[in-house]
Amino acid sequence: MSISTHILDTAIGRPAAGVPVTLARAGEGNRWAILNRMQTDADGRCRPLLPVDEAMTPGLYAIRFDTEAYYGKQGLRGLYPYVEIAFLVEAGEAHYHIPLLLTANGYTTYRGS
């Protein structure tokens, strides 16, 4: 059972390396508990984003991408200082891959494989 992500900077046609990423899960009273913090690798990936010692239980999760830090390193200013994607983990699912397609002024996401 795992959660992973991949970021592609579609404006430059390359993976977005060095993006700070945070994974959190909603707990009791909808309080967010941070499960992991990492940066995307040279291929724009965080795998596994869910720590290996952390169980993937059904519920609400969120991945936050610090796009301001990413664009700041390039001397650019994007419209969105961060992108946060909330998603539901269902019982019986083994893997969630949440890709992000990114430009300085827009983004899209989908459930990957």
Protein backbone atom coordinates (compact mmCIF):
# COMPACT_ATOMS: atom_id res chain seq x y z
CA MET A 1 0.00 0.00 0.00
CA SER A 2 1.55 3.26 -1.09
CA ILE A 3 1.10 6.85 -2.22
CA SER A 4 3.37 8.49 -4.79
CA THR A 5 3.47 11.63 -6.90
CA HIS A 6 5.18 12.97 -10.00
CA ILE A 7 5.41 16.59 -11.15
CA LEU A 8 5.97 17.65 -14.74
CA ASP A 9 6.65 21.29 -15.55
CA THR A 10 4.78 21.41 -18.84
CA ALA A 11 6.05 24.91 -19.65
CA ILE A 12 9.60 23.57 -20.02
CA GLY A 13 8.73 19.98 -20.89
CA ARG A 14 10.72 18.46 -18.01
CA PRO A 15 10.17 16.96 -14.57
CA ALA A 16 9.98 19.49 -11.74
CA ALA A 17 12.93 18.61 -9.51
CA GLY A 18 13.41 19.92 -5.99
CA VAL A 19 9.78 20.78 -5.24
CA PRO A 20 9.00 20.59 -1.50
CA VAL A 21 6.06 18.20 -0.98
CA THR A 22 4.04 17.45 2.16
CA LEU A 23 1.66 14.52 2.68
CA ALA A 24 -1.02 14.81 5.38
CA ARG A 25 -4.03 12.79 6.53
CA ALA A 26 -7.21 14.16 8.12
CA GLY A 27 -7.70 12.75 11.56
CA GLU A 28 -10.15 13.19 14.36
CA GLY A 29 -12.06 16.45 14.09
CA ASN A 30 -10.63 16.89 10.56
CA ARG A 31 -7.28 17.96 11.99
CA TRP A 32 -4.46 17.37 9.55
CA ALA A 33 -1.57 15.18 10.64
CA ILE A 34 1.60 15.52 8.59
CA LEU A 35 2.85 12.09 7.53
CA ASN A 36 5.89 13.08 5.47
CA ARG A 37 7.87 15.94 4.00
CA MET A 38 10.25 15.49 1.11
CA GLN A 39 11.40 17.01 -2.19
CA THR A 40 10.88 15.67 -5.67
CA ASP A 41 13.91 13.90 -7.11
CA ALA A 42 15.63 14.67 -10.43
CA ASP A 43 12.79 12.86 -12.21
CA GLY A 44 10.14 14.97 -10.42
CA ARG A 45 9.03 12.04 -8.26
CA CYS A 46 8.38 11.29 -4.60
CA ARG A 47 8.20 7.56 -4.18
CA PRO A 48 7.16 6.40 -1.81
CA LEU A 49 5.56 9.54 -0.41
CA LEU A 50 3.77 7.55 2.28
CA PRO A 51 6.48 6.39 4.71
CA VAL A 52 6.98 2.62 4.63
CA ASP A 53 6.20 2.36 8.35
CA GLU A 54 2.90 4.25 7.95
CA ALA A 55 -0.29 2.31 7.17
CA MET A 56 -2.43 3.62 4.33
CA THR A 57 -5.86 3.65 5.94
CA PRO A 58 -9.11 4.78 4.32
CA GLY A 59 -9.79 8.48 4.68
CA LEU A 60 -8.98 11.94 3.43
CA TYR A 61 -5.38 12.73 2.45
CA ALA A 62 -3.76 15.81 0.96
CA ILE A 63 -0.55 16.47 -0.93
CA ARG A 64 0.76 20.04 -0.81
CA PHE A 65 3.28 21.18 -3.41
CA ASP A 66 5.33 24.29 -2.55
CA THR A 67 5.34 25.77 -6.04
CA GLU A 68 6.50 29.19 -4.81
CA ALA A 69 9.81 27.69 -3.65
CA TYR A 70 10.19 25.83 -6.96
CA TYR A 71 9.61 28.89 -9.13
CA GLY A 72 11.60 31.14 -6.80
CA LYS A 73 14.72 29.04 -7.49
CA GLN A 74 14.21 29.81 -11.19
CA GLY A 75 13.72 33.54 -10.63
CA LEU A 76 10.06 33.26 -11.61
CA ARG A 77 6.86 34.12 -9.87
CA GLY A 78 3.90 31.81 -10.32
CA LEU A 79 0.24 32.56 -9.79
CA TYR A 80 -0.19 29.82 -7.19
CA PRO A 81 2.19 29.84 -4.19
CA TYR A 82 1.18 26.25 -3.52
CA VAL A 83 -1.02 23.53 -4.96
CA GLU A 84 -2.90 21.28 -2.57
CA ILE A 85 -4.64 18.17 -3.80
CA ALA A 86 -7.06 16.44 -1.43
CA PHE A 87 -8.13 12.90 -2.26
CA LEU A 88 -10.02 10.01 -0.68
CA VAL A 89 -8.32 6.69 -0.02
CA GLU A 90 -10.80 3.83 -0.23
CA ALA A 91 -10.57 0.47 1.53
CA GLY A 92 -9.08 -2.28 -0.61
CA GLU A 93 -6.97 0.03 -2.82
CA ALA A 94 -3.26 -0.78 -2.90
CA HIS A 95 -1.74 2.30 -4.53
CA TYR A 96 -2.52 5.94 -5.23
CA HIS A 97 -0.39 7.89 -7.70
CA ILE A 98 -1.27 11.59 -7.81
CA PRO A 99 0.55 13.37 -10.67
CA LEU A 100 0.70 17.15 -11.06
CA LEU A 101 1.10 18.87 -14.42
CA LEU A 102 2.36 22.35 -13.65
CA THR A 103 2.96 25.74 -15.24
CA ALA A 104 3.52 29.08 -13.51
CA ASN A 105 -0.11 30.05 -14.20
CA GLY A 106 -2.01 26.78 -14.08
CA TYR A 107 -2.05 23.14 -13.11
CA THR A 108 -3.99 19.93 -13.57
CA THR A 109 -4.01 16.57 -11.86
CA TYR A 110 -5.49 13.10 -12.24
CA ARG A 111 -5.25 9.67 -10.68
CA GLY A 112 -2.28 7.98 -12.26
CA SER A 113 -1.21 4.38 -12.21
